[in-house]
Each structure stands twice: as C-alpha cells, then as structure tokens.
Amino acid sequence: MLSSSKYSSALCGALLLITSCLLANLIFAAERDQGMLEIRIKDHRDAIGDFAKLNITIDKILLSPKPGLRFWQTGWKEFSPDTATIDLTQYSGKKTAGVFRRSIDPGSFEAFHVKLKSIDGVLKKKSRNAPVKDTVGAVQLSFQVPAKGETILIVDLVVTDLSDHPPRGYELGMRGYELYTNGKLVGKVPPG
C-alpha cells in the first residue's frame, strides 16, 4: 500500500502528464485549423515609367477583424511583412511581389492596411531623387480566411504625377485589389 505522500505525488504527476497531453493536443488542433493568408503588391503603370527606382518600405500589415459577437475585441491585428522593401518598377503589369505569407487563425475581416514606412524614388531623367507622397490608406474590404484554406490579396498601387497641379508632385496611392479564396477570384476593384 502507498503512503499518502507517495500517493499524492503519483496523483500530481499523473494529472500533470494528462494536462500536458491535452494542451499539446489543443495546440496541434489549433495549428491544423489555421488558414493561409498571402498579400502581394504590384504597380499600375501610370507614372512608374518616370522612375529608375521606386523603393517602398512596408512598416506593417494591418487587418481589421469583423467584430461579430465579440464586439469588445475590435481593433487591428498587426503583422510584420516577410519582405519589407520592394522596388515597384520591377512589379508593373501582371508581375507581383509577395510581401506576406503566413498561417493565421481563420476568421472574417472587414478592412486591411498596408502601412508604409518610406518611399524612395529616383527619376530616370537626371537620376535625381523625387519625393513621393504616401496616400495609401486603410481599405474597407469584407473577406475571409477559411480554416485549412488559402486567401490571396493582390494590392494594386499606382504612382501618379500631379506636378501640373502645384504644389503637388508624385503621389503613391491604391488603385485597386484582387481577392482570391482557394484559387477562385471572389473580388476585384476596379472590375474587368
């Protein structure tokens, strides 16, 4: 027969082992049910031809979850980009630059924001630096990241020459996006 102290130690050890196994199983199940989110960037061809180089540095990717029943948990989810700096002159037309690809918890979202840290442009003429104003802001877009599924968001930026409207100059903004869920195009702005 076991003494009460040995019995207590054995019981504590067994409970600790069972708790550890249950926690590991929950973590594994949560990882298994995550969805993949990928964000790519490209440039629409308006004034990109004026630049020899137009580097953008992404500060962070922000997603706004739909609050649903958990309205007290509203706010932006913040992610670091996989690739922080890209040269937009290399990604015009159909070519895209992958800046974020990660497994995240599945859910519904109502907005996204690719927040830029800096824009550094060098014009082809005279190889001089040109200031480019950042007008890329948050975009309202209802989308889902399904469990065990894949969502791809292609953000179409555009650099525009507004120097014929002084004191304005070059400005970088968003032209539109393409949204794919599990390989199927589910939204596009502008359409066509």
C-alpha atoms as a PDB file:
ATOM      1  CA  MET A   1       0.000   0.000   0.000  1.00  0.00           C
ATOM      2  CA  LEU A   2       1.264   3.522  -0.868  1.00  0.00           C
ATOM      3  CA  SER A   3       1.687   6.108   1.813  1.00  0.00           C
ATOM      4  CA  SER A   4      -0.431   9.248   1.475  1.00  0.00           C
ATOM      5  CA  SER A   5       2.557  11.438   0.432  1.00  0.00           C
ATOM      6  CA  LYS A   6       3.653   8.947  -2.253  1.00  0.00           C
ATOM      7  CA  TYR A   7       0.031   8.648  -3.406  1.00  0.00           C
ATOM      8  CA  SER A   8      -0.268  12.467  -3.643  1.00  0.00           C
ATOM      9  CA  SER A   9       2.981  12.695  -5.612  1.00  0.00           C
ATOM     10  CA  ALA A  10       1.864   9.969  -8.022  1.00  0.00           C
ATOM     11  CA  LEU A  11      -1.535  11.636  -8.475  1.00  0.00           C
ATOM     12  CA  CYS A  12       0.059  15.059  -9.120  1.00  0.00           C
ATOM     13  CA  GLY A  13       2.447  13.520 -11.653  1.00  0.00           C
ATOM     14  CA  ALA A  14      -0.405  11.778 -13.468  1.00  0.00           C
ATOM     15  CA  LEU A  15      -2.518  14.973 -13.564  1.00  0.00           C
ATOM     16  CA  LEU A  16       0.452  16.959 -14.863  1.00  0.00           C
ATOM     17  CA  LEU A  17       1.038  14.394 -17.628  1.00  0.00           C
ATOM     18  CA  ILE A  18      -2.647  14.365 -18.643  1.00  0.00           C
ATOM     19  CA  THR A  19      -2.786  18.194 -18.643  1.00  0.00           C
ATOM     20  CA  SER A  20       0.360  18.409 -20.787  1.00  0.00           C
ATOM     21  CA  CYS A  21      -1.056  15.927 -23.293  1.00  0.00           C
ATOM     22  CA  LEU A  22      -4.363  17.810 -23.524  1.00  0.00           C
ATOM     23  CA  LEU A  23      -2.592  21.159 -24.029  1.00  0.00           C
ATOM     24  CA  ALA A  24      -0.351  19.731 -26.759  1.00  0.00           C
ATOM     25  CA  ASN A  25      -3.398  18.261 -28.476  1.00  0.00           C
ATOM     26  CA  LEU A  26      -5.258  21.612 -28.357  1.00  0.00           C
ATOM     27  CA  ILE A  27      -2.254  23.488 -29.760  1.00  0.00           C
ATOM     28  CA  PHE A  28      -1.842  20.934 -32.548  1.00  0.00           C
ATOM     29  CA  ALA A  29      -5.567  21.139 -33.393  1.00  0.00           C
ATOM     30  CA  ALA A  30      -5.431  24.961 -33.484  1.00  0.00           C
ATOM     31  CA  GLU A  31      -2.427  24.949 -35.845  1.00  0.00           C
ATOM     32  CA  ARG A  32      -4.089  22.359 -38.064  1.00  0.00           C
ATOM     33  CA  ASP A  33      -7.219  24.529 -38.468  1.00  0.00           C
ATOM     34  CA  GLN A  34      -5.408  27.731 -39.453  1.00  0.00           C
ATOM     35  CA  GLY A  35      -5.780  29.325 -42.875  1.00  0.00           C
ATOM     36  CA  MET A  36      -3.115  30.766 -45.160  1.00  0.00           C
ATOM     37  CA  LEU A  37      -3.103  34.495 -45.965  1.00  0.00           C
ATOM     38  CA  GLU A  38      -0.864  35.855 -48.703  1.00  0.00           C
ATOM     39  CA  ILE A  39      -0.501  39.518 -49.683  1.00  0.00           C
ATOM     40  CA  ARG A  40       1.175  40.577 -52.912  1.00  0.00           C
ATOM     41  CA  ILE A  41       1.868  44.049 -54.322  1.00  0.00           C
ATOM     42  CA  LYS A  42       2.110  45.352 -57.852  1.00  0.00           C
ATOM     43  CA  ASP A  43       2.090  48.775 -59.511  1.00  0.00           C
ATOM     44  CA  HIS A  44      -0.329  50.070 -62.089  1.00  0.00           C
ATOM     45  CA  ARG A  45       1.612  51.588 -64.935  1.00  0.00           C
ATOM     46  CA  ASP A  46       0.552  55.298 -64.817  1.00  0.00           C
ATOM     47  CA  ALA A  47       3.787  57.166 -63.955  1.00  0.00           C
ATOM     48  CA  ILE A  48       6.046  54.295 -62.909  1.00  0.00           C
ATOM     49  CA  GLY A  49       7.913  54.742 -66.210  1.00  0.00           C
ATOM     50  CA  ASP A  50       9.306  58.058 -64.908  1.00  0.00           C
ATOM     51  CA  PHE A  51      11.323  56.189 -62.261  1.00  0.00           C
ATOM     52  CA  ALA A  52      14.578  54.268 -62.495  1.00  0.00           C
ATOM     53  CA  LYS A  53      13.862  53.000 -58.980  1.00  0.00           C
ATOM     54  CA  LEU A  54      10.887  53.378 -56.623  1.00  0.00           C
ATOM     55  CA  ASN A  55      11.522  51.551 -53.359  1.00  0.00           C
ATOM     56  CA  ILE A  56       8.714  51.249 -50.852  1.00  0.00           C
ATOM     57  CA  THR A  57       9.374  50.010 -47.330  1.00  0.00           C
ATOM     58  CA  ILE A  58       6.420  48.380 -45.588  1.00  0.00           C
ATOM     59  CA  ASP A  59       6.128  49.094 -41.881  1.00  0.00           C
ATOM     60  CA  LYS A  60       3.336  46.617 -41.099  1.00  0.00           C
ATOM     61  CA  ILE A  61       0.291  44.785 -42.395  1.00  0.00           C
ATOM     62  CA  LEU A  62      -2.915  45.569 -40.502  1.00  0.00           C
ATOM     63  CA  LEU A  63      -6.143  43.540 -40.603  1.00  0.00           C
ATOM     64  CA  SER A  64      -9.419  44.586 -39.003  1.00  0.00           C
ATOM     65  CA  PRO A  65     -11.444  41.553 -37.864  1.00  0.00           C
ATOM     66  CA  LYS A  66     -15.235  41.659 -38.102  1.00  0.00           C
ATOM     67  CA  PRO A  67     -16.346  42.029 -34.504  1.00  0.00           C
ATOM     68  CA  GLY A  68     -19.411  39.769 -34.638  1.00  0.00           C
ATOM     69  CA  LEU A  69     -20.420  38.662 -31.149  1.00  0.00           C
ATOM     70  CA  ARG A  70     -17.019  39.673 -29.750  1.00  0.00           C
ATOM     71  CA  PHE A  71     -17.528  43.393 -30.337  1.00  0.00           C
ATOM     72  CA  TRP A  72     -15.342  44.251 -27.319  1.00  0.00           C
ATOM     73  CA  GLN A  73     -12.337  42.710 -29.109  1.00  0.00           C
ATOM     74  CA  THR A  74     -12.386  45.100 -32.061  1.00  0.00           C
ATOM     75  CA  GLY A  75      -9.159  46.622 -33.262  1.00  0.00           C
ATOM     76  CA  TRP A  76      -6.456  45.972 -35.800  1.00  0.00           C
ATOM     77  CA  LYS A  77      -4.359  42.800 -35.873  1.00  0.00           C
ATOM     78  CA  GLU A  78      -0.792  43.751 -36.688  1.00  0.00           C
ATOM     79  CA  PHE A  79       1.698  41.641 -38.672  1.00  0.00           C
ATOM     80  CA  SER A  80       5.266  42.224 -39.834  1.00  0.00           C
ATOM     81  CA  PRO A  81       5.890  41.848 -43.573  1.00  0.00           C
ATOM     82  CA  ASP A  82       8.008  38.945 -44.845  1.00  0.00           C
ATOM     83  CA  THR A  83       9.631  41.269 -47.383  1.00  0.00           C
ATOM     84  CA  ALA A  84       9.843  44.854 -46.162  1.00  0.00           C
ATOM     85  CA  THR A  85      11.363  46.688 -49.153  1.00  0.00           C
ATOM     86  CA  ILE A  86      10.460  46.250 -52.815  1.00  0.00           C
ATOM     87  CA  ASP A  87      11.229  48.215 -55.964  1.00  0.00           C
ATOM     88  CA  LEU A  88       7.853  48.914 -57.612  1.00  0.00           C
ATOM     89  CA  THR A  89       9.486  49.472 -61.010  1.00  0.00           C
ATOM     90  CA  GLN A  90      10.068  45.683 -61.094  1.00  0.00           C
ATOM     91  CA  TYR A  91       6.409  44.803 -60.443  1.00  0.00           C
ATOM     92  CA  SER A  92       4.300  46.528 -63.059  1.00  0.00           C
ATOM     93  CA  GLY A  93       1.503  44.905 -65.018  1.00  0.00           C
ATOM     94  CA  LYS A  94       0.924  41.267 -64.037  1.00  0.00           C
ATOM     95  CA  LYS A  95       4.157  40.766 -62.040  1.00  0.00           C
ATOM     96  CA  THR A  96       3.622  40.799 -58.271  1.00  0.00           C
ATOM     97  CA  ALA A  97       5.885  40.907 -55.218  1.00  0.00           C
ATOM     98  CA  GLY A  98       4.981  38.647 -52.313  1.00  0.00           C
ATOM     99  CA  VAL A  99       5.278  40.682 -49.113  1.00  0.00           C
ATOM    100  CA  PHE A 100       3.366  38.482 -46.638  1.00  0.00           C
ATOM    101  CA  ARG A 101       2.520  34.772 -46.431  1.00  0.00           C
ATOM    102  CA  ARG A 102       1.566  33.234 -43.142  1.00  0.00           C
ATOM    103  CA  SER A 103      -0.792  30.808 -41.428  1.00  0.00           C
ATOM    104  CA  ILE A 104      -3.257  32.747 -39.296  1.00  0.00           C
ATOM    105  CA  ASP A 105      -6.353  31.935 -37.303  1.00  0.00           C
ATOM    106  CA  PRO A 106      -9.376  31.648 -39.601  1.00  0.00           C
ATOM    107  CA  GLY A 107     -11.925  34.419 -39.491  1.00  0.00           C
ATOM    108  CA  SER A 108     -13.780  37.222 -41.203  1.00  0.00           C
ATOM    109  CA  PHE A 109     -12.191  40.604 -41.765  1.00  0.00           C
ATOM    110  CA  GLU A 110     -13.633  43.982 -42.757  1.00  0.00           C
ATOM    111  CA  ALA A 111     -10.557  46.016 -43.735  1.00  0.00           C
ATOM    112  CA  PHE A 112      -6.823  45.903 -44.450  1.00  0.00           C
ATOM    113  CA  HIS A 113      -3.990  48.421 -44.491  1.00  0.00           C
ATOM    114  CA  VAL A 114      -0.519  48.027 -45.953  1.00  0.00           C
ATOM    115  CA  LYS A 115       1.183  50.711 -43.864  1.00  0.00           C
ATOM    116  CA  LEU A 116       4.294  52.164 -45.472  1.00  0.00           C
ATOM    117  CA  LYS A 117       7.368  53.363 -43.597  1.00  0.00           C
ATOM    118  CA  SER A 118       9.055  55.140 -46.515  1.00  0.00           C
ATOM    119  CA  ILE A 119       9.049  55.749 -50.266  1.00  0.00           C
ATOM    120  CA  ASP A 120      12.349  56.418 -52.047  1.00  0.00           C
ATOM    121  CA  GLY A 121      12.210  57.277 -55.744  1.00  0.00           C
ATOM    122  CA  VAL A 122      14.933  58.032 -58.282  1.00  0.00           C
ATOM    123  CA  LEU A 123      13.797  59.543 -61.583  1.00  0.00           C
ATOM    124  CA  LYS A 124      15.197  58.301 -64.897  1.00  0.00           C
ATOM    125  CA  LYS A 125      15.785  61.877 -66.101  1.00  0.00           C
ATOM    126  CA  LYS A 126      18.871  63.385 -64.431  1.00  0.00           C
ATOM    127  CA  SER A 127      18.993  60.443 -61.958  1.00  0.00           C
ATOM    128  CA  ARG A 128      17.738  62.627 -59.152  1.00  0.00           C
ATOM    129  CA  ASN A 129      15.653  61.753 -56.105  1.00  0.00           C
ATOM    130  CA  ALA A 130      11.998  62.625 -56.296  1.00  0.00           C
ATOM    131  CA  PRO A 131       9.741  62.987 -53.278  1.00  0.00           C
ATOM    132  CA  VAL A 132       6.657  60.762 -53.463  1.00  0.00           C
ATOM    133  CA  LYS A 133       3.748  61.432 -51.131  1.00  0.00           C
ATOM    134  CA  ASP A 134       2.185  58.391 -49.426  1.00  0.00           C
ATOM    135  CA  THR A 135      -1.610  58.375 -49.895  1.00  0.00           C
ATOM    136  CA  VAL A 136      -2.035  54.620 -49.312  1.00  0.00           C
ATOM    137  CA  GLY A 137      -4.601  54.213 -46.561  1.00  0.00           C
ATOM    138  CA  ALA A 138      -6.835  51.610 -44.990  1.00  0.00           C
ATOM    139  CA  VAL A 139      -9.283  49.905 -47.337  1.00  0.00           C
ATOM    140  CA  GLN A 140     -12.676  48.584 -46.353  1.00  0.00           C
ATOM    141  CA  LEU A 141     -12.978  45.055 -47.731  1.00  0.00           C
ATOM    142  CA  SER A 142     -15.041  42.176 -46.418  1.00  0.00           C
ATOM    143  CA  PHE A 143     -13.102  38.909 -46.767  1.00  0.00           C
ATOM    144  CA  GLN A 144     -12.486  35.609 -45.024  1.00  0.00           C
ATOM    145  CA  VAL A 145      -9.512  33.430 -44.267  1.00  0.00           C
ATOM    146  CA  PRO A 146     -11.065  29.949 -44.169  1.00  0.00           C
ATOM    147  CA  ALA A 147      -9.775  27.167 -41.924  1.00  0.00           C
ATOM    148  CA  LYS A 148      -7.404  24.954 -43.940  1.00  0.00           C
ATOM    149  CA  GLY A 149      -7.931  27.298 -46.924  1.00  0.00           C
ATOM    150  CA  GLU A 150      -5.923  29.992 -48.698  1.00  0.00           C
ATOM    151  CA  THR A 151      -6.707  33.657 -49.270  1.00  0.00           C
ATOM    152  CA  ILE A 152      -4.587  35.777 -51.624  1.00  0.00           C
ATOM    153  CA  LEU A 153      -4.892  39.567 -51.714  1.00  0.00           C
ATOM    154  CA  ILE A 154      -3.123  41.392 -54.551  1.00  0.00           C
ATOM    155  CA  VAL A 155      -2.828  45.118 -53.839  1.00  0.00           C
ATOM    156  CA  ASP A 156      -2.521  47.294 -56.959  1.00  0.00           C
ATOM    157  CA  LEU A 157      -0.665  50.513 -56.159  1.00  0.00           C
ATOM    158  CA  VAL A 158      -0.295  53.418 -58.552  1.00  0.00           C
ATOM    159  CA  VAL A 159       2.177  56.307 -58.663  1.00  0.00           C
ATOM    160  CA  THR A 160       0.680  59.408 -60.261  1.00  0.00           C
ATOM    161  CA  ASP A 161       2.359  62.597 -61.497  1.00  0.00           C
ATOM    162  CA  LEU A 162       0.287  65.528 -60.243  1.00  0.00           C
ATOM    163  CA  SER A 163       3.002  68.158 -60.794  1.00  0.00           C
ATOM    164  CA  ASP A 164       0.686  70.046 -63.159  1.00  0.00           C
ATOM    165  CA  HIS A 165      -1.357  70.898 -60.014  1.00  0.00           C
ATOM    166  CA  PRO A 166       1.205  72.796 -57.876  1.00  0.00           C
ATOM    167  CA  PRO A 167       2.283  72.325 -55.113  1.00  0.00           C
ATOM    168  CA  ARG A 168       1.547  68.634 -55.698  1.00  0.00           C
ATOM    169  CA  GLY A 169       4.052  66.245 -57.239  1.00  0.00           C
ATOM    170  CA  TYR A 170       4.261  62.458 -57.353  1.00  0.00           C
ATOM    171  CA  GLU A 171       1.813  60.568 -55.159  1.00  0.00           C
ATOM    172  CA  LEU A 172       1.549  56.859 -54.399  1.00  0.00           C
ATOM    173  CA  GLY A 173      -1.931  55.542 -53.770  1.00  0.00           C
ATOM    174  CA  MET A 174      -4.003  52.448 -54.175  1.00  0.00           C
ATOM    175  CA  ARG A 175      -5.703  51.768 -57.481  1.00  0.00           C
ATOM    176  CA  GLY A 176      -7.480  48.552 -56.509  1.00  0.00           C
ATOM    177  CA  TYR A 177      -7.111  44.935 -55.476  1.00  0.00           C
ATOM    178  CA  GLU A 178      -7.807  41.345 -56.447  1.00  0.00           C
ATOM    179  CA  LEU A 179      -9.062  38.860 -53.854  1.00  0.00           C
ATOM    180  CA  TYR A 180      -8.782  35.087 -54.279  1.00  0.00           C
ATOM    181  CA  THR A 181     -10.146  32.415 -51.923  1.00  0.00           C
ATOM    182  CA  ASN A 182      -8.950  28.857 -52.506  1.00  0.00           C
ATOM    183  CA  GLY A 183      -7.770  29.787 -56.017  1.00  0.00           C
ATOM    184  CA  LYS A 184     -11.056  31.424 -57.106  1.00  0.00           C
ATOM    185  CA  LEU A 185     -11.326  35.160 -57.867  1.00  0.00           C
ATOM    186  CA  VAL A 186     -14.007  36.475 -55.465  1.00  0.00           C
ATOM    187  CA  GLY A 187     -13.476  40.221 -55.746  1.00  0.00           C
ATOM    188  CA  LYS A 188     -11.739  42.762 -57.922  1.00  0.00           C
ATOM    189  CA  VAL A 189     -11.624  46.560 -57.879  1.00  0.00           C
ATOM    190  CA  PRO A 190     -11.773  48.045 -60.415  1.00  0.00           C
ATOM    191  CA  PRO A 191     -13.791  45.306 -62.124  1.00  0.00           C
ATOM    192  CA  GLY A 192     -12.797  43.998 -65.523  1.00  0.00           C
END
